Structures are given as structure tokens and as C-alpha cells.
Amino acid sequence: MNNLPGRGSRIRFRALDDFQRYLEKVGDGRLDFRAYPVSGSPENFHYDGREKAVTREKDGRMFDSVEDFLCYAFQCDDEGCSHTEYVDIEVIN
């Protein structure tokens, strides 16, 4: 994970593409993070760069794809349009 903010860092993503590029920078590494949506409660997630998979910590749900997770985080509608202004994350590891 080169050149990525370290543990405890908070980052605000205003677009799905920005968040996706951030996850791509993880490469084959792993990232544990807490997502803070504009509305709703924060949730913990694990990203596995080798598998290109995101898992929700509380129930072990693995999203079908990174894009599926991003739409979940940005509260997208069926057409993929975001319904939130931003998502904050806090790096846990």
C-alpha cells in the first residue's frame, strides 16, 4: 500500500470514481476501513486487493463486485446514480 494515508486517517470521497481509484492503489494488499455515510450508521469493511473483493465486517457479506460495494456506499439507485454527497472513510489498519 504505497502512498496511502495510514491508520486513523479520514478521507472524504465525493465521487464513486475517486473511491474506486483509492481502492485500486491498494494493489494486491488489504485494507480495513470504516465508512461514514451522510445518513445512517458507520460500518466496518475489509478490502482484499488480490481478490478485488469487499466484505462487510458485521455479517461477513461479500459484495458481488467493488462497483456493487461503491453503489452501496454511495446509496445509488437502480440506474447507478448516487444519492449522497460524499462518503467518509477512516483507515483502521
PDB file of N, CA and C in Angstrom:
ATOM      1  N   MET A   1       0.834  -1.175   0.000  1.00  0.00           N
ATOM      2  CA  MET A   1       0.000   0.000   0.000  1.00  0.00           C
ATOM      3  C   MET A   1       0.879   1.239   0.000  1.00  0.00           C
ATOM      4  N   ASN A   2       1.399   1.597  -1.096  1.00  0.00           N
ATOM      5  CA  ASN A   2       2.287   2.734  -1.187  1.00  0.00           C
ATOM      6  C   ASN A   2       1.513   4.032  -1.318  1.00  0.00           C
ATOM      7  N   ASN A   3       2.004   5.056  -0.609  1.00  0.00           N
ATOM      8  CA  ASN A   3       1.469   6.404  -0.722  1.00  0.00           C
ATOM      9  C   ASN A   3       0.003   6.524  -0.335  1.00  0.00           C
ATOM     10  N   LEU A   4      -0.495   5.660   0.529  1.00  0.00           N
ATOM     11  CA  LEU A   4      -1.859   5.760   1.016  1.00  0.00           C
ATOM     12  C   LEU A   4      -1.829   6.256   2.455  1.00  0.00           C
ATOM     13  N   PRO A   5      -2.833   7.043   2.852  1.00  0.00           N
ATOM     14  CA  PRO A   5      -2.887   7.508   4.231  1.00  0.00           C
ATOM     15  C   PRO A   5      -2.887   6.334   5.211  1.00  0.00           C
ATOM     16  N   GLY A   6      -2.275   6.526   6.361  1.00  0.00           N
ATOM     17  CA  GLY A   6      -2.141   5.458   7.337  1.00  0.00           C
ATOM     18  C   GLY A   6      -3.308   5.335   8.294  1.00  0.00           C
ATOM     19  N   ARG A   7      -3.126   4.475   9.250  1.00  0.00           N
ATOM     20  CA  ARG A   7      -4.134   4.156  10.245  1.00  0.00           C
ATOM     21  C   ARG A   7      -4.670   5.412  10.917  1.00  0.00           C
ATOM     22  N   GLY A   8      -5.985   5.463  11.073  1.00  0.00           N
ATOM     23  CA  GLY A   8      -6.637   6.595  11.715  1.00  0.00           C
ATOM     24  C   GLY A   8      -6.922   7.761  10.786  1.00  0.00           C
ATOM     25  N   SER A   9      -6.412   7.716   9.567  1.00  0.00           N
ATOM     26  CA  SER A   9      -6.654   8.792   8.607  1.00  0.00           C
ATOM     27  C   SER A   9      -8.107   8.770   8.165  1.00  0.00           C
ATOM     28  N   ARG A  10      -8.674   9.954   8.003  1.00  0.00           N
ATOM     29  CA  ARG A  10     -10.036  10.067   7.467  1.00  0.00           C
ATOM     30  C   ARG A  10      -9.954  10.743   6.109  1.00  0.00           C
ATOM     31  N   ILE A  11     -10.705  10.173   5.184  1.00  0.00           N
ATOM     32  CA  ILE A  11     -10.680  10.653   3.809  1.00  0.00           C
ATOM     33  C   ILE A  11     -12.124  10.829   3.351  1.00  0.00           C
ATOM     34  N   ARG A  12     -12.400  11.910   2.647  1.00  0.00           N
ATOM     35  CA  ARG A  12     -13.734  12.156   2.102  1.00  0.00           C
ATOM     36  C   ARG A  12     -13.713  11.920   0.594  1.00  0.00           C
ATOM     37  N   PHE A  13     -14.623  11.071   0.140  1.00  0.00           N
ATOM     38  CA  PHE A  13     -14.790  10.818  -1.289  1.00  0.00           C
ATOM     39  C   PHE A  13     -16.118  11.407  -1.725  1.00  0.00           C
ATOM     40  N   ARG A  14     -16.055  12.245  -2.748  1.00  0.00           N
ATOM     41  CA  ARG A  14     -17.267  12.887  -3.260  1.00  0.00           C
ATOM     42  C   ARG A  14     -17.812  12.189  -4.501  1.00  0.00           C
ATOM     43  N   ALA A  15     -17.056  11.234  -5.022  1.00  0.00           N
ATOM     44  CA  ALA A  15     -17.479  10.522  -6.233  1.00  0.00           C
ATOM     45  C   ALA A  15     -17.065   9.058  -6.150  1.00  0.00           C
ATOM     46  N   LEU A  16     -17.881   8.207  -6.736  1.00  0.00           N
ATOM     47  CA  LEU A  16     -17.580   6.778  -6.773  1.00  0.00           C
ATOM     48  C   LEU A  16     -16.221   6.521  -7.404  1.00  0.00           C
ATOM     49  N   ASP A  17     -15.907   7.226  -8.487  1.00  0.00           N
ATOM     50  CA  ASP A  17     -14.644   7.017  -9.192  1.00  0.00           C
ATOM     51  C   ASP A  17     -13.435   7.310  -8.301  1.00  0.00           C
ATOM     52  N   ASP A  18     -13.543   8.344  -7.462  1.00  0.00           N
ATOM     53  CA  ASP A  18     -12.438   8.683  -6.560  1.00  0.00           C
ATOM     54  C   ASP A  18     -12.189   7.557  -5.558  1.00  0.00           C
ATOM     55  N   PHE A  19     -13.265   7.019  -5.007  1.00  0.00           N
ATOM     56  CA  PHE A  19     -13.156   5.925  -4.052  1.00  0.00           C
ATOM     57  C   PHE A  19     -12.605   4.681  -4.743  1.00  0.00           C
ATOM     58  N   GLN A  20     -13.057   4.425  -5.965  1.00  0.00           N
ATOM     59  CA  GLN A  20     -12.570   3.264  -6.710  1.00  0.00           C
ATOM     60  C   GLN A  20     -11.074   3.385  -6.997  1.00  0.00           C
ATOM     61  N   ARG A  21     -10.613   4.565  -7.392  1.00  0.00           N
ATOM     62  CA  ARG A  21      -9.181   4.773  -7.647  1.00  0.00           C
ATOM     63  C   ARG A  21      -8.365   4.567  -6.375  1.00  0.00           C
ATOM     64  N   TYR A  22      -8.912   5.000  -5.248  1.00  0.00           N
ATOM     65  CA  TYR A  22      -8.224   4.803  -3.972  1.00  0.00           C
ATOM     66  C   TYR A  22      -8.050   3.313  -3.689  1.00  0.00           C
ATOM     67  N   LEU A  23      -9.116   2.537  -3.884  1.00  0.00           N
ATOM     68  CA  LEU A  23      -9.029   1.094  -3.646  1.00  0.00           C
ATOM     69  C   LEU A  23      -8.051   0.442  -4.619  1.00  0.00           C
ATOM     70  N   GLU A  24      -8.005   0.902  -5.858  1.00  0.00           N
ATOM     71  CA  GLU A  24      -7.067   0.348  -6.838  1.00  0.00           C
ATOM     72  C   GLU A  24      -5.621   0.563  -6.412  1.00  0.00           C
ATOM     73  N   LYS A  25      -5.343   1.662  -5.701  1.00  0.00           N
ATOM     74  CA  LYS A  25      -3.983   1.948  -5.235  1.00  0.00           C
ATOM     75  C   LYS A  25      -3.513   0.970  -4.169  1.00  0.00           C
ATOM     76  N   VAL A  26      -4.452   0.254  -3.573  1.00  0.00           N
ATOM     77  CA  VAL A  26      -4.094  -0.765  -2.581  1.00  0.00           C
ATOM     78  C   VAL A  26      -3.332  -1.899  -3.259  1.00  0.00           C
ATOM     79  N   GLY A  27      -3.549  -2.062  -4.560  1.00  0.00           N
ATOM     80  CA  GLY A  27      -2.877  -3.130  -5.302  1.00  0.00           C
ATOM     81  C   GLY A  27      -3.355  -4.487  -4.826  1.00  0.00           C
ATOM     82  N   ASP A  28      -2.424  -5.392  -4.527  1.00  0.00           N
ATOM     83  CA  ASP A  28      -2.774  -6.726  -4.027  1.00  0.00           C
ATOM     84  C   ASP A  28      -2.869  -6.754  -2.506  1.00  0.00           C
ATOM     85  N   GLY A  29      -2.791  -5.599  -1.883  1.00  0.00           N
ATOM     86  CA  GLY A  29      -2.831  -5.528  -0.423  1.00  0.00           C
ATOM     87  C   GLY A  29      -4.237  -5.643   0.141  1.00  0.00           C
ATOM     88  N   ARG A  30      -4.320  -5.389   1.428  1.00  0.00           N
ATOM     89  CA  ARG A  30      -5.589  -5.453   2.149  1.00  0.00           C
ATOM     90  C   ARG A  30      -5.796  -4.146   2.884  1.00  0.00           C
ATOM     91  N   LEU A  31      -7.057  -3.817   3.106  1.00  0.00           N
ATOM     92  CA  LEU A  31      -7.393  -2.573   3.788  1.00  0.00           C
ATOM     93  C   LEU A  31      -8.632  -2.787   4.634  1.00  0.00           C
ATOM     94  N   ASP A  32      -8.531  -2.464   5.909  1.00  0.00           N
ATOM     95  CA  ASP A  32      -9.695  -2.450   6.787  1.00  0.00           C
ATOM     96  C   ASP A  32     -10.065  -0.994   6.989  1.00  0.00           C
ATOM     97  N   PHE A  33     -11.341  -0.688   6.833  1.00  0.00           N
ATOM     98  CA  PHE A  33     -11.772   0.699   6.957  1.00  0.00           C
ATOM     99  C   PHE A  33     -13.197   0.788   7.464  1.00  0.00           C
ATOM    100  N   ARG A  34     -13.523   1.953   8.009  1.00  0.00           N
ATOM    101  CA  ARG A  34     -14.868   2.265   8.486  1.00  0.00           C
ATOM    102  C   ARG A  34     -15.425   3.331   7.549  1.00  0.00           C
ATOM    103  N   ALA A  35     -16.607   3.087   7.024  1.00  0.00           N
ATOM    104  CA  ALA A  35     -17.259   4.049   6.127  1.00  0.00           C
ATOM    105  C   ALA A  35     -18.331   4.803   6.908  1.00  0.00           C
ATOM    106  N   TYR A  36     -18.316   6.124   6.769  1.00  0.00           N
ATOM    107  CA  TYR A  36     -19.273   7.004   7.418  1.00  0.00           C
ATOM    108  C   TYR A  36     -20.165   7.633   6.347  1.00  0.00           C
ATOM    109  N   PRO A  37     -21.366   7.101   6.142  1.00  0.00           N
ATOM    110  CA  PRO A  37     -22.256   7.697   5.151  1.00  0.00           C
ATOM    111  C   PRO A  37     -22.844   9.012   5.677  1.00  0.00           C
ATOM    112  N   VAL A  38     -23.374   9.830   4.784  1.00  0.00           N
ATOM    113  CA  VAL A  38     -24.010  11.075   5.190  1.00  0.00           C
ATOM    114  C   VAL A  38     -25.179  10.768   6.121  1.00  0.00           C
ATOM    115  N   SER A  39     -25.965   9.756   5.763  1.00  0.00           N
ATOM    116  CA  SER A  39     -27.063   9.328   6.625  1.00  0.00           C
ATOM    117  C   SER A  39     -26.872   7.855   6.951  1.00  0.00           C
ATOM    118  N   GLY A  40     -27.216   7.480   8.147  1.00  0.00           N
ATOM    119  CA  GLY A  40     -27.045   6.097   8.569  1.00  0.00           C
ATOM    120  C   GLY A  40     -25.845   5.951   9.489  1.00  0.00           C
ATOM    121  N   SER A  41     -25.628   4.742   9.932  1.00  0.00           N
ATOM    122  CA  SER A  41     -24.548   4.455  10.878  1.00  0.00           C
ATOM    123  C   SER A  41     -23.279   4.026  10.150  1.00  0.00           C
ATOM    124  N   PRO A  42     -22.112   4.313  10.734  1.00  0.00           N
ATOM    125  CA  PRO A  42     -20.864   3.845  10.134  1.00  0.00           C
ATOM    126  C   PRO A  42     -20.791   2.318  10.167  1.00  0.00           C
ATOM    127  N   GLU A  43     -20.106   1.754   9.177  1.00  0.00           N
ATOM    128  CA  GLU A  43     -19.928   0.315   9.093  1.00  0.00           C
ATOM    129  C   GLU A  43     -18.466   0.016   8.786  1.00  0.00           C
ATOM    130  N   ASN A  44     -17.983  -1.124   9.265  1.00  0.00           N
ATOM    131  CA  ASN A  44     -16.613  -1.562   9.008  1.00  0.00           C
ATOM    132  C   ASN A  44     -16.588  -2.519   7.827  1.00  0.00           C
ATOM    133  N   PHE A  45     -15.533  -2.386   7.010  1.00  0.00           N
ATOM    134  CA  PHE A  45     -15.371  -3.200   5.811  1.00  0.00           C
ATOM    135  C   PHE A  45     -13.930  -3.672   5.684  1.00  0.00           C
ATOM    136  N   HIS A  46     -13.752  -4.717   4.909  1.00  0.00           N
ATOM    137  CA  HIS A  46     -12.428  -5.229   4.578  1.00  0.00           C
ATOM    138  C   HIS A  46     -12.329  -5.308   3.060  1.00  0.00           C
ATOM    139  N   TYR A  47     -11.252  -4.743   2.514  1.00  0.00           N
ATOM    140  CA  TYR A  47     -10.994  -4.821   1.077  1.00  0.00           C
ATOM    141  C   TYR A  47      -9.796  -5.721   0.857  1.00  0.00           C
ATOM    142  N   ASP A  48      -9.949  -6.709  -0.012  1.00  0.00           N
ATOM    143  CA  ASP A  48      -8.874  -7.620  -0.386  1.00  0.00           C
ATOM    144  C   ASP A  48      -8.485  -7.284  -1.821  1.00  0.00           C
ATOM    145  N   GLY A  49      -7.323  -6.658  -1.984  1.00  0.00           N
ATOM    146  CA  GLY A  49      -6.881  -6.225  -3.302  1.00  0.00           C
ATOM    147  C   GLY A  49      -6.579  -7.363  -4.254  1.00  0.00           C
ATOM    148  N   ARG A  50      -6.135  -8.483  -3.730  1.00  0.00           N
ATOM    149  CA  ARG A  50      -5.839  -9.636  -4.592  1.00  0.00           C
ATOM    150  C   ARG A  50      -7.129 -10.198  -5.187  1.00  0.00           C
ATOM    151  N   GLU A  51      -8.160 -10.307  -4.364  1.00  0.00           N
ATOM    152  CA  GLU A  51      -9.445 -10.851  -4.819  1.00  0.00           C
ATOM    153  C   GLU A  51     -10.355  -9.779  -5.423  1.00  0.00           C
ATOM    154  N   LYS A  52      -9.986  -8.515  -5.229  1.00  0.00           N
ATOM    155  CA  LYS A  52     -10.830  -7.387  -5.651  1.00  0.00           C
ATOM    156  C   LYS A  52     -12.224  -7.546  -5.051  1.00  0.00           C
ATOM    157  N   ALA A  53     -12.240  -7.761  -3.717  1.00  0.00           N
ATOM    158  CA  ALA A  53     -13.498  -8.039  -3.020  1.00  0.00           C
ATOM    159  C   ALA A  53     -13.610  -7.184  -1.769  1.00  0.00           C
ATOM    160  N   VAL A  54     -14.849  -6.764  -1.479  1.00  0.00           N
ATOM    161  CA  VAL A  54     -15.148  -6.006  -0.270  1.00  0.00           C
ATOM    162  C   VAL A  54     -16.131  -6.831   0.560  1.00  0.00           C
ATOM    163  N   THR A  55     -15.825  -6.937   1.855  1.00  0.00           N
ATOM    164  CA  THR A  55     -16.668  -7.679   2.783  1.00  0.00           C
ATOM    165  C   THR A  55     -17.074  -6.768   3.926  1.00  0.00           C
ATOM    166  N   ARG A  56     -18.363  -6.827   4.285  1.00  0.00           N
ATOM    167  CA  ARG A  56     -18.853  -6.070   5.440  1.00  0.00           C
ATOM    168  C   ARG A  56     -18.535  -6.880   6.689  1.00  0.00           C
ATOM    169  N   GLU A  57     -17.927  -6.238   7.665  1.00  0.00           N
ATOM    170  CA  GLU A  57     -17.438  -6.945   8.840  1.00  0.00           C
ATOM    171  C   GLU A  57     -18.553  -7.537   9.702  1.00  0.00           C
ATOM    172  N   LYS A  58     -19.641  -6.802   9.917  1.00  0.00           N
ATOM    173  CA  LYS A  58     -20.634  -7.242  10.910  1.00  0.00           C
ATOM    174  C   LYS A  58     -21.330  -8.547  10.554  1.00  0.00           C
ATOM    175  N   ASP A  59     -21.500  -8.831   9.263  1.00  0.00           N
ATOM    176  CA  ASP A  59     -22.213 -10.049   8.883  1.00  0.00           C
ATOM    177  C   ASP A  59     -21.456 -10.906   7.869  1.00  0.00           C
ATOM    178  N   GLY A  60     -20.257 -10.450   7.480  1.00  0.00           N
ATOM    179  CA  GLY A  60     -19.449 -11.215   6.542  1.00  0.00           C
ATOM    180  C   GLY A  60     -19.946 -11.182   5.110  1.00  0.00           C
ATOM    181  N   ARG A  61     -20.900 -10.275   4.812  1.00  0.00           N
ATOM    182  CA  ARG A  61     -21.425 -10.185   3.451  1.00  0.00           C
ATOM    183  C   ARG A  61     -20.339  -9.725   2.496  1.00  0.00           C
ATOM    184  N   MET A  62     -20.109 -10.524   1.453  1.00  0.00           N
ATOM    185  CA  MET A  62     -19.172 -10.132   0.407  1.00  0.00           C
ATOM    186  C   MET A  62     -19.987  -9.547  -0.741  1.00  0.00           C
ATOM    187  N   PHE A  63     -19.620  -8.357  -1.155  1.00  0.00           N
ATOM    188  CA  PHE A  63     -20.310  -7.719  -2.272  1.00  0.00           C
ATOM    189  C   PHE A  63     -19.937  -8.417  -3.568  1.00  0.00           C
ATOM    190  N   ASP A  64     -20.857  -8.419  -4.524  1.00  0.00           N
ATOM    191  CA  ASP A  64     -20.632  -9.099  -5.798  1.00  0.00           C
ATOM    192  C   ASP A  64     -19.434  -8.541  -6.547  1.00  0.00           C
ATOM    193  N   SER A  65     -19.164  -7.247  -6.355  1.00  0.00           N
ATOM    194  CA  SER A  65     -18.053  -6.584  -7.037  1.00  0.00           C
ATOM    195  C   SER A  65     -17.712  -5.312  -6.270  1.00  0.00           C
ATOM    196  N   VAL A  66     -16.578  -4.725  -6.596  1.00  0.00           N
ATOM    197  CA  VAL A  66     -16.213  -3.444  -5.997  1.00  0.00           C
ATOM    198  C   VAL A  66     -17.261  -2.395  -6.390  1.00  0.00           C
ATOM    199  N   GLU A  67     -17.723  -2.447  -7.618  1.00  0.00           N
ATOM    200  CA  GLU A  67     -18.732  -1.491  -8.083  1.00  0.00           C
ATOM    201  C   GLU A  67     -20.024  -1.623  -7.278  1.00  0.00           C
ATOM    202  N   ASP A  68     -20.400  -2.853  -6.947  1.00  0.00           N
ATOM    203  CA  ASP A  68     -21.594  -3.094  -6.130  1.00  0.00           C
ATOM    204  C   ASP A  68     -21.412  -2.462  -4.747  1.00  0.00           C
ATOM    205  N   PHE A  69     -20.231  -2.622  -4.159  1.00  0.00           N
ATOM    206  CA  PHE A  69     -19.954  -2.002  -2.868  1.00  0.00           C
ATOM    207  C   PHE A  69     -20.025  -0.480  -2.971  1.00  0.00           C
ATOM    208  N   LEU A  70     -19.411   0.089  -4.012  1.00  0.00           N
ATOM    209  CA  LEU A  70     -19.411   1.543  -4.169  1.00  0.00           C
ATOM    210  C   LEU A  70     -20.826   2.081  -4.281  1.00  0.00           C
ATOM    211  N   CYS A  71     -21.666   1.372  -5.009  1.00  0.00           N
ATOM    212  CA  CYS A  71     -23.076   1.801  -5.115  1.00  0.00           C
ATOM    213  C   CYS A  71     -23.766   1.705  -3.763  1.00  0.00           C
ATOM    214  N   TYR A  72     -23.441   0.695  -2.986  1.00  0.00           N
ATOM    215  CA  TYR A  72     -23.986   0.570  -1.633  1.00  0.00           C
ATOM    216  C   TYR A  72     -23.535   1.761  -0.785  1.00  0.00           C
ATOM    217  N   ALA A  73     -22.249   2.062  -0.818  1.00  0.00           N
ATOM    218  CA  ALA A  73     -21.698   3.143  -0.002  1.00  0.00           C
ATOM    219  C   ALA A  73     -22.268   4.501  -0.396  1.00  0.00           C
ATOM    220  N   PHE A  74     -22.482   4.702  -1.687  1.00  0.00           N
ATOM    221  CA  PHE A  74     -22.991   5.986  -2.173  1.00  0.00           C
ATOM    222  C   PHE A  74     -24.508   5.993  -2.341  1.00  0.00           C
ATOM    223  N   GLN A  75     -25.175   4.946  -1.844  1.00  0.00           N
ATOM    224  CA  GLN A  75     -26.633   4.858  -1.852  1.00  0.00           C
ATOM    225  C   GLN A  75     -27.207   5.103  -3.249  1.00  0.00           C
ATOM    226  N   CYS A  76     -26.682   4.373  -4.215  1.00  0.00           N
ATOM    227  CA  CYS A  76     -27.103   4.523  -5.605  1.00  0.00           C
ATOM    228  C   CYS A  76     -28.496   3.925  -5.838  1.00  0.00           C
ATOM    229  N   ASP A  77     -29.161   4.470  -6.837  1.00  0.00           N
ATOM    230  CA  ASP A  77     -30.437   3.894  -7.254  1.00  0.00           C
ATOM    231  C   ASP A  77     -30.169   2.769  -8.248  1.00  0.00           C
ATOM    232  N   ASP A  78     -31.229   2.192  -8.794  1.00  0.00           N
ATOM    233  CA  ASP A  78     -31.095   1.060  -9.717  1.00  0.00           C
ATOM    234  C   ASP A  78     -30.311   1.412 -10.979  1.00  0.00           C
ATOM    235  N   GLU A  79     -30.249   2.683 -11.319  1.00  0.00           N
ATOM    236  CA  GLU A  79     -29.539   3.123 -12.514  1.00  0.00           C
ATOM    237  C   GLU A  79     -28.092   3.523 -12.214  1.00  0.00           C
ATOM    238  N   GLY A  80     -27.689   3.406 -10.951  1.00  0.00           N
ATOM    239  CA  GLY A  80     -26.311   3.716 -10.588  1.00  0.00           C
ATOM    240  C   GLY A  80     -26.048   5.163 -10.239  1.00  0.00           C
ATOM    241  N   CYS A  81     -27.103   5.968 -10.077  1.00  0.00           N
ATOM    242  CA  CYS A  81     -26.936   7.374  -9.716  1.00  0.00           C
ATOM    243  C   CYS A  81     -26.829   7.509  -8.201  1.00  0.00           C
ATOM    244  N   SER A  82     -25.797   8.195  -7.758  1.00  0.00           N
ATOM    245  CA  SER A  82     -25.538   8.375  -6.333  1.00  0.00           C
ATOM    246  C   SER A  82     -26.603   9.263  -5.699  1.00  0.00           C
ATOM    247  N   HIS A  83     -26.972   8.912  -4.466  1.00  0.00           N
ATOM    248  CA  HIS A  83     -27.950   9.706  -3.724  1.00  0.00           C
ATOM    249  C   HIS A  83     -27.354  10.259  -2.444  1.00  0.00           C
ATOM    250  N   THR A  84     -26.054  10.469  -2.432  1.00  0.00           N
ATOM    251  CA  THR A  84     -25.391  11.083  -1.293  1.00  0.00           C
ATOM    252  C   THR A  84     -24.280  11.989  -1.813  1.00  0.00           C
ATOM    253  N   GLU A  85     -23.957  12.998  -1.034  1.00  0.00           N
ATOM    254  CA  GLU A  85     -22.946  13.967  -1.458  1.00  0.00           C
ATOM    255  C   GLU A  85     -21.524  13.435  -1.326  1.00  0.00           C
ATOM    256  N   TYR A  86     -21.310  12.591  -0.322  1.00  0.00           N
ATOM    257  CA  TYR A  86     -19.971  12.088  -0.077  1.00  0.00           C
ATOM    258  C   TYR A  86     -20.034  10.884   0.865  1.00  0.00           C
ATOM    259  N   VAL A  87     -18.899  10.182   0.953  1.00  0.00           N
ATOM    260  CA  VAL A  87     -18.691   9.131   1.932  1.00  0.00           C
ATOM    261  C   VAL A  87     -17.325   9.369   2.554  1.00  0.00           C
ATOM    262  N   ASP A  88     -17.277   9.389   3.876  1.00  0.00           N
ATOM    263  CA  ASP A  88     -16.007   9.489   4.591  1.00  0.00           C
ATOM    264  C   ASP A  88     -15.569   8.081   4.974  1.00  0.00           C
ATOM    265  N   ILE A  89     -14.270   7.844   4.928  1.00  0.00           N
ATOM    266  CA  ILE A  89     -13.758   6.586   5.458  1.00  0.00           C
ATOM    267  C   ILE A  89     -12.657   6.885   6.448  1.00  0.00           C
ATOM    268  N   GLU A  90     -12.480   5.973   7.385  1.00  0.00           N
ATOM    269  CA  GLU A  90     -11.376   6.016   8.334  1.00  0.00           C
ATOM    270  C   GLU A  90     -10.592   4.735   8.171  1.00  0.00           C
ATOM    271  N   VAL A  91      -9.299   4.857   7.913  1.00  0.00           N
ATOM    272  CA  VAL A  91      -8.447   3.697   7.736  1.00  0.00           C
ATOM    273  C   VAL A  91      -8.203   3.072   9.101  1.00  0.00           C
ATOM    274  N   ILE A  92      -8.491   1.770   9.233  1.00  0.00           N
ATOM    275  CA  ILE A  92      -8.331   1.062  10.505  1.00  0.00           C
ATOM    276  C   ILE A  92      -6.970   0.402  10.583  1.00  0.00           C
ATOM    277  N   ASN A  93      -6.469  -0.149   9.458  1.00  0.00           N
ATOM    278  CA  ASN A  93      -5.148  -0.801   9.500  1.00  0.00           C
ATOM    279  C   ASN A  93      -4.152  -0.088   8.657  1.00  0.00           C
TER     280      ASN A  93
END
